[in-house]
N, C-alpha and C. Protein backbone atom coordinates (compact mmCIF):
# COMPACT_ATOMS: atom_id res chain seq x y z
N MET A 1 27.04 -21.57 5.56
CA MET A 1 25.71 -21.77 5.78
C MET A 1 25.01 -22.21 4.58
N THR A 2 24.33 -23.06 3.96
CA THR A 2 23.43 -23.29 3.15
C THR A 2 21.90 -22.64 3.43
N ARG A 3 22.06 -22.11 2.27
CA ARG A 3 20.06 -21.72 2.77
C ARG A 3 19.57 -22.47 2.02
N ARG A 4 17.99 -22.97 2.48
CA ARG A 4 17.57 -23.75 1.48
C ARG A 4 16.79 -23.31 0.64
N ALA A 5 15.94 -23.77 -0.25
CA ALA A 5 15.29 -23.19 -1.20
C ALA A 5 13.97 -22.49 -0.62
N ALA A 6 13.69 -21.20 -0.78
CA ALA A 6 12.03 -20.61 -0.46
C ALA A 6 10.85 -21.15 -1.02
N LYS A 7 9.83 -21.40 -0.11
CA LYS A 7 8.90 -21.76 -0.08
C LYS A 7 8.01 -21.25 -0.56
N VAL A 8 7.27 -21.26 -1.85
CA VAL A 8 6.26 -20.38 -2.36
C VAL A 8 4.98 -21.20 -2.01
N ASP A 9 4.14 -20.08 -1.74
CA ASP A 9 2.57 -20.14 -1.00
C ASP A 9 1.95 -20.83 -2.52
N ALA A 10 1.25 -21.83 -2.24
CA ALA A 10 0.54 -22.23 -3.60
C ALA A 10 -0.62 -21.59 -4.21
N ASN A 11 -0.92 -20.26 -3.70
CA ASN A 11 -1.49 -19.42 -4.17
C ASN A 11 -0.93 -18.48 -4.80
N GLN A 12 0.41 -17.89 -4.65
CA GLN A 12 1.33 -17.24 -5.63
C GLN A 12 0.82 -16.55 -6.85
N ALA A 13 1.23 -18.09 -7.25
CA ALA A 13 0.91 -17.96 -8.91
C ALA A 13 -0.23 -17.46 -9.36
N ALA A 14 -1.49 -17.43 -8.83
CA ALA A 14 -2.72 -17.23 -9.24
C ALA A 14 -3.23 -15.83 -8.68
N ILE A 15 -2.14 -15.14 -7.52
CA ILE A 15 -2.30 -13.91 -7.36
C ILE A 15 -1.63 -13.29 -8.13
N VAL A 16 -0.26 -13.53 -8.24
CA VAL A 16 0.61 -12.61 -9.53
C VAL A 16 -0.43 -12.75 -11.07
N GLY A 17 -1.06 -13.88 -11.14
CA GLY A 17 -1.79 -13.48 -12.44
C GLY A 17 -3.16 -12.83 -12.45
N GLU A 18 -3.39 -12.59 -11.32
CA GLU A 18 -4.52 -11.52 -11.00
C GLU A 18 -4.12 -10.33 -11.28
N LEU A 19 -2.87 -10.32 -10.61
CA LEU A 19 -2.36 -8.55 -10.41
C LEU A 19 -1.80 -8.04 -11.99
N ARG A 20 -1.14 -9.24 -12.58
CA ARG A 20 -0.98 -8.99 -13.64
C ARG A 20 -1.92 -8.53 -14.87
N ALA A 21 -3.31 -9.30 -14.52
CA ALA A 21 -4.14 -9.05 -15.66
C ALA A 21 -4.25 -7.61 -15.58
N VAL A 22 -4.51 -6.71 -14.32
CA VAL A 22 -5.24 -5.41 -14.21
C VAL A 22 -4.04 -4.45 -14.55
N GLY A 23 -2.63 -5.25 -15.02
CA GLY A 23 -1.55 -3.85 -15.78
C GLY A 23 -0.79 -3.62 -14.25
N ALA A 24 -0.61 -4.55 -13.37
CA ALA A 24 0.04 -4.51 -12.52
C ALA A 24 1.68 -4.96 -12.75
N SER A 25 2.55 -4.81 -12.46
CA SER A 25 3.50 -5.13 -12.93
C SER A 25 4.17 -5.92 -11.16
N VAL A 26 4.98 -7.03 -11.40
CA VAL A 26 4.72 -7.82 -10.74
C VAL A 26 6.55 -8.43 -10.62
N GLN A 27 7.40 -8.31 -9.30
CA GLN A 27 8.44 -8.82 -9.29
C GLN A 27 8.48 -9.89 -7.87
N PRO A 28 8.52 -11.17 -8.29
CA PRO A 28 9.04 -12.00 -7.15
C PRO A 28 9.93 -11.93 -6.16
N LEU A 29 10.30 -11.61 -4.92
CA LEU A 29 10.86 -11.44 -4.47
C LEU A 29 11.07 -12.40 -2.90
N HIS A 30 10.71 -13.56 -3.41
CA HIS A 30 10.56 -14.92 -2.43
C HIS A 30 12.17 -15.32 -2.18
N THR A 31 12.70 -15.51 -3.28
CA THR A 31 13.90 -16.06 -3.12
C THR A 31 14.83 -15.32 -2.09
N VAL A 32 14.45 -13.95 -2.08
CA VAL A 32 15.17 -13.05 -1.30
C VAL A 32 15.72 -13.86 0.38
N GLY A 33 14.59 -13.98 1.10
CA GLY A 33 14.56 -14.99 2.19
C GLY A 33 14.46 -13.78 3.10
N GLN A 34 14.57 -13.86 4.28
CA GLN A 34 15.54 -13.03 5.55
C GLN A 34 13.98 -12.30 5.97
N GLY A 35 13.02 -12.71 5.42
CA GLY A 35 11.82 -12.12 6.24
C GLY A 35 11.08 -11.30 5.16
N VAL A 36 12.06 -10.77 3.97
CA VAL A 36 10.80 -9.88 2.59
C VAL A 36 9.89 -10.57 2.38
N PRO A 37 8.77 -9.68 2.03
CA PRO A 37 8.12 -10.39 1.57
C PRO A 37 7.91 -10.92 -0.31
N ASP A 38 6.81 -11.30 -0.58
CA ASP A 38 6.64 -12.01 -1.30
C ASP A 38 7.07 -11.56 -2.86
N LEU A 39 6.48 -9.75 -2.74
CA LEU A 39 6.32 -10.14 -4.02
C LEU A 39 6.38 -8.04 -3.92
N LEU A 40 7.04 -7.46 -4.93
CA LEU A 40 6.83 -6.17 -5.14
C LEU A 40 6.04 -6.18 -6.33
N VAL A 41 5.09 -5.17 -6.30
CA VAL A 41 4.14 -4.46 -6.93
C VAL A 41 3.93 -3.55 -7.52
N GLY A 42 4.17 -3.15 -9.18
CA GLY A 42 4.05 -1.35 -9.16
C GLY A 42 2.93 -1.24 -10.20
N PHE A 43 1.85 -0.45 -9.99
CA PHE A 43 0.44 -0.03 -10.42
C PHE A 43 0.07 1.69 -10.09
N ARG A 44 -0.11 2.10 -11.32
CA ARG A 44 -0.41 3.51 -11.17
C ARG A 44 0.30 4.30 -10.65
N GLY A 45 2.05 4.08 -10.93
CA GLY A 45 2.88 4.96 -10.36
C GLY A 45 2.87 4.99 -8.72
N GLN A 46 2.32 3.97 -7.91
CA GLN A 46 3.08 3.07 -6.63
C GLN A 46 3.41 1.98 -7.01
N ASN A 47 4.51 1.65 -6.02
CA ASN A 47 4.60 0.13 -5.27
C ASN A 47 3.99 -0.39 -3.76
N TRP A 48 3.84 -1.43 -4.02
CA TRP A 48 3.87 -2.32 -2.75
C TRP A 48 4.44 -3.49 -2.74
N LEU A 49 4.12 -3.41 -1.35
CA LEU A 49 5.28 -5.01 -0.77
C LEU A 49 4.12 -5.72 -0.54
N ILE A 50 3.81 -6.66 -0.86
CA ILE A 50 2.90 -7.73 -0.63
C ILE A 50 3.64 -9.39 0.22
N GLU A 51 2.91 -9.67 1.28
CA GLU A 51 3.47 -10.80 1.56
C GLU A 51 2.28 -11.91 1.31
N VAL A 52 2.42 -13.26 0.81
CA VAL A 52 1.47 -13.99 0.29
C VAL A 52 1.16 -14.93 1.32
N LYS A 53 -0.18 -15.23 1.84
CA LYS A 53 -0.24 -16.45 2.35
C LYS A 53 -1.53 -16.87 1.74
N ASP A 54 -1.36 -18.83 2.04
CA ASP A 54 -2.04 -19.78 1.34
C ASP A 54 -3.56 -19.71 1.88
N GLY A 55 -4.60 -18.94 1.94
CA GLY A 55 -6.05 -18.87 2.39
C GLY A 55 -6.88 -20.41 2.50
N SER A 56 -6.07 -21.28 2.04
CA SER A 56 -6.47 -22.33 1.73
C SER A 56 -6.09 -23.40 3.28
N LYS A 57 -5.06 -23.08 3.98
CA LYS A 57 -4.65 -23.21 5.12
C LYS A 57 -5.22 -23.16 6.32
N PRO A 58 -4.91 -23.75 7.79
CA PRO A 58 -5.84 -22.95 8.51
C PRO A 58 -5.12 -21.45 9.33
N PRO A 59 -5.27 -20.58 9.86
CA PRO A 59 -4.65 -19.67 10.62
C PRO A 59 -3.48 -19.80 11.03
N SER A 60 -3.74 -21.09 11.67
CA SER A 60 -2.52 -21.05 12.65
C SER A 60 -1.10 -21.52 11.45
N GLU A 61 -1.60 -21.97 10.15
CA GLU A 61 -0.66 -22.14 9.07
C GLU A 61 0.04 -20.85 8.57
N ARG A 62 -0.87 -19.80 8.46
CA ARG A 62 -0.92 -18.87 7.73
C ARG A 62 0.11 -17.71 8.77
N LYS A 63 0.62 -17.94 9.80
CA LYS A 63 0.85 -16.82 10.61
C LYS A 63 2.43 -17.02 10.18
N LEU A 64 2.67 -15.50 10.46
CA LEU A 64 3.98 -14.70 9.82
C LEU A 64 5.11 -15.50 10.34
N THR A 65 6.48 -15.99 9.42
CA THR A 65 7.20 -16.73 10.37
C THR A 65 8.23 -15.60 11.58
N PRO A 66 8.81 -16.24 12.06
CA PRO A 66 9.53 -15.14 13.22
C PRO A 66 10.53 -14.05 12.21
N ALA A 67 11.32 -14.20 11.17
CA ALA A 67 12.01 -13.86 10.34
C ALA A 67 11.16 -12.63 9.71
N GLN A 68 9.62 -12.97 9.14
CA GLN A 68 8.98 -12.32 8.47
C GLN A 68 8.04 -10.91 9.35
N GLN A 69 7.99 -11.49 10.74
CA GLN A 69 7.76 -10.77 12.06
C GLN A 69 8.54 -9.43 12.05
N ASP A 70 9.68 -9.76 12.42
CA ASP A 70 11.08 -9.21 12.35
C ASP A 70 10.78 -8.18 11.37
N TRP A 71 10.73 -8.49 10.14
CA TRP A 71 11.33 -7.52 9.13
C TRP A 71 10.03 -6.68 8.81
N HIS A 72 8.90 -7.10 8.84
CA HIS A 72 7.64 -5.94 8.94
C HIS A 72 7.93 -4.77 10.14
N ALA A 73 8.07 -5.70 11.11
CA ALA A 73 8.22 -4.25 12.64
C ALA A 73 9.63 -3.29 11.91
N LEU A 74 10.43 -4.07 11.43
CA LEU A 74 11.56 -2.63 10.95
C LEU A 74 11.38 -2.18 9.96
N TRP A 75 10.47 -2.41 9.29
CA TRP A 75 10.86 -1.82 7.70
C TRP A 75 9.50 -0.41 7.98
N ARG A 76 9.74 0.60 7.54
CA ARG A 76 9.27 1.44 7.69
C ARG A 76 8.91 2.22 6.63
N GLY A 77 8.49 1.55 5.64
CA GLY A 77 7.09 1.61 4.39
C GLY A 77 6.05 0.71 4.59
N GLN A 78 5.20 0.69 3.63
CA GLN A 78 4.46 -0.11 3.72
C GLN A 78 4.59 -1.58 3.08
N VAL A 79 3.41 -2.46 3.98
CA VAL A 79 3.85 -3.91 3.54
C VAL A 79 2.35 -4.31 4.26
N VAL A 80 2.09 -5.38 2.91
CA VAL A 80 0.43 -5.93 3.53
C VAL A 80 0.53 -7.29 3.56
N THR A 81 -0.34 -8.34 4.15
CA THR A 81 -0.30 -9.83 3.93
C THR A 81 -1.73 -9.90 3.36
N VAL A 82 -1.45 -10.73 1.95
CA VAL A 82 -3.11 -11.11 1.42
C VAL A 82 -3.13 -12.53 1.40
N LYS A 83 -4.26 -13.05 1.38
CA LYS A 83 -4.59 -14.33 1.16
C LYS A 83 -5.45 -15.01 0.05
N ASP A 84 -5.34 -14.33 -0.77
CA ASP A 84 -6.22 -14.13 -1.95
C ASP A 84 -6.17 -13.34 -3.37
N GLY A 85 -6.59 -13.34 -4.29
CA GLY A 85 -6.48 -12.61 -5.36
C GLY A 85 -6.94 -11.11 -5.32
N ASP A 86 -8.25 -11.25 -4.47
CA ASP A 86 -9.59 -10.55 -4.39
C ASP A 86 -8.57 -9.26 -3.05
N GLU A 87 -8.14 -10.18 -2.22
CA GLU A 87 -7.33 -9.31 -0.99
C GLU A 87 -6.31 -8.52 -1.88
N ALA A 88 -5.49 -9.03 -2.54
CA ALA A 88 -4.36 -8.38 -3.59
C ALA A 88 -4.61 -7.33 -4.37
N LEU A 89 -5.79 -7.24 -4.95
CA LEU A 89 -6.36 -6.44 -5.79
C LEU A 89 -7.30 -5.13 -4.92
N ARG A 90 -7.20 -5.28 -3.88
CA ARG A 90 -7.77 -4.46 -3.16
C ARG A 90 -6.61 -4.05 -2.50
N ALA A 91 -5.70 -4.56 -1.96
CA ALA A 91 -4.61 -3.84 -1.55
C ALA A 91 -3.69 -2.61 -2.31
N ILE A 92 -3.83 -2.85 -4.18
CA ILE A 92 -3.38 -1.81 -4.73
C ILE A 92 -4.52 -0.89 -5.48
N GLY A 93 -6.10 -1.17 -4.68
CA GLY A 93 -7.24 -0.23 -5.11
C GLY A 93 -7.58 -0.46 -6.05
N VAL A 94 -7.90 -1.64 -6.28
CA VAL A 94 -8.51 -2.07 -7.26
C VAL A 94 -9.83 -2.88 -6.94
N TRP A 95 -11.06 -2.46 -6.97
CA TRP A 95 -12.41 -2.86 -6.21
C TRP A 95 -12.37 -4.60 -7.27
N THR A 96 -12.97 -5.62 -6.65
CA THR A 96 -13.27 -6.39 -7.22
C THR A 96 -15.08 -6.54 -7.48
N TYR A 97 -15.63 -7.43 -8.27
CA TYR A 97 -17.25 -6.92 -8.31
C TYR A 97 -17.91 -7.34 -7.33
N ALA A 98 -17.21 -8.56 -6.02
CA ALA A 98 -17.92 -8.40 -5.47
C ALA A 98 -18.03 -7.31 -4.14
N ASP A 99 -16.95 -6.27 -4.17
CA ASP A 99 -16.69 -5.03 -3.61
C ASP A 99 -17.61 -4.22 -3.83
N LEU A 100 -18.01 -4.32 -5.30
CA LEU A 100 -18.71 -3.11 -5.88
C LEU A 100 -20.34 -3.38 -5.18
N HIS A 101 -20.52 -5.10 -5.42
CA HIS A 101 -21.69 -5.30 -4.76
C HIS A 101 -22.24 -5.04 -3.49
N ARG A 102 -21.06 -5.44 -2.41
CA ARG A 102 -21.33 -5.10 -1.26
C ARG A 102 -21.42 -3.52 -0.72
N GLN A 103 -21.27 -2.30 -2.11
CA GLN A 103 -21.39 -0.74 -1.74
C GLN A 103 -22.52 -0.64 -2.39
N ILE A 104 -23.07 -1.61 -3.33
CA ILE A 104 -24.20 -0.81 -3.98
C ILE A 104 -25.61 -1.88 -3.03
N VAL A 105 -25.58 -3.06 -2.72
CA VAL A 105 -26.50 -3.76 -2.12
C VAL A 105 -26.41 -4.54 -1.06
N GLY A 106 -25.35 -4.70 -0.14
CA GLY A 106 -24.96 -5.13 1.10
C GLY A 106 -24.17 -6.21 0.70
N GLU A 107 -24.06 -6.97 1.75
CA GLU A 107 -23.26 -8.61 1.59
C GLU A 107 -23.24 -9.36 0.23
N VAL A 108 -22.42 -9.72 0.02
CA VAL A 108 -22.84 -10.81 -1.26
C VAL A 108 -22.97 -12.16 -0.44
N GLU A 109 -23.68 -13.23 -1.10
CA GLU A 109 -24.37 -13.86 -0.33
C GLU A 109 -23.36 -15.37 -0.95
């Protein structure tokens, strides 16, 4: 059985860039397939598994595939789904300017 090439979400490179810019190690895993999340991220002595979905697509096109749903359900560790760099940074505990602004003065307009 031939496996087709893994699709990479359009925003994955930007998210990887933002994670690396704050000092995180990033290992792409999207080529593994079988529902495994797209990225393994290491930061400050901790690891995160991150599934990337393209935030520019409508919600119906950002759903987990059946293989991803199965993998997430069976995995006994941490996994998070993000749709942009800010969500990825928050997932690893890095606050963005918008997060800090919300904490201090309320919602950002």
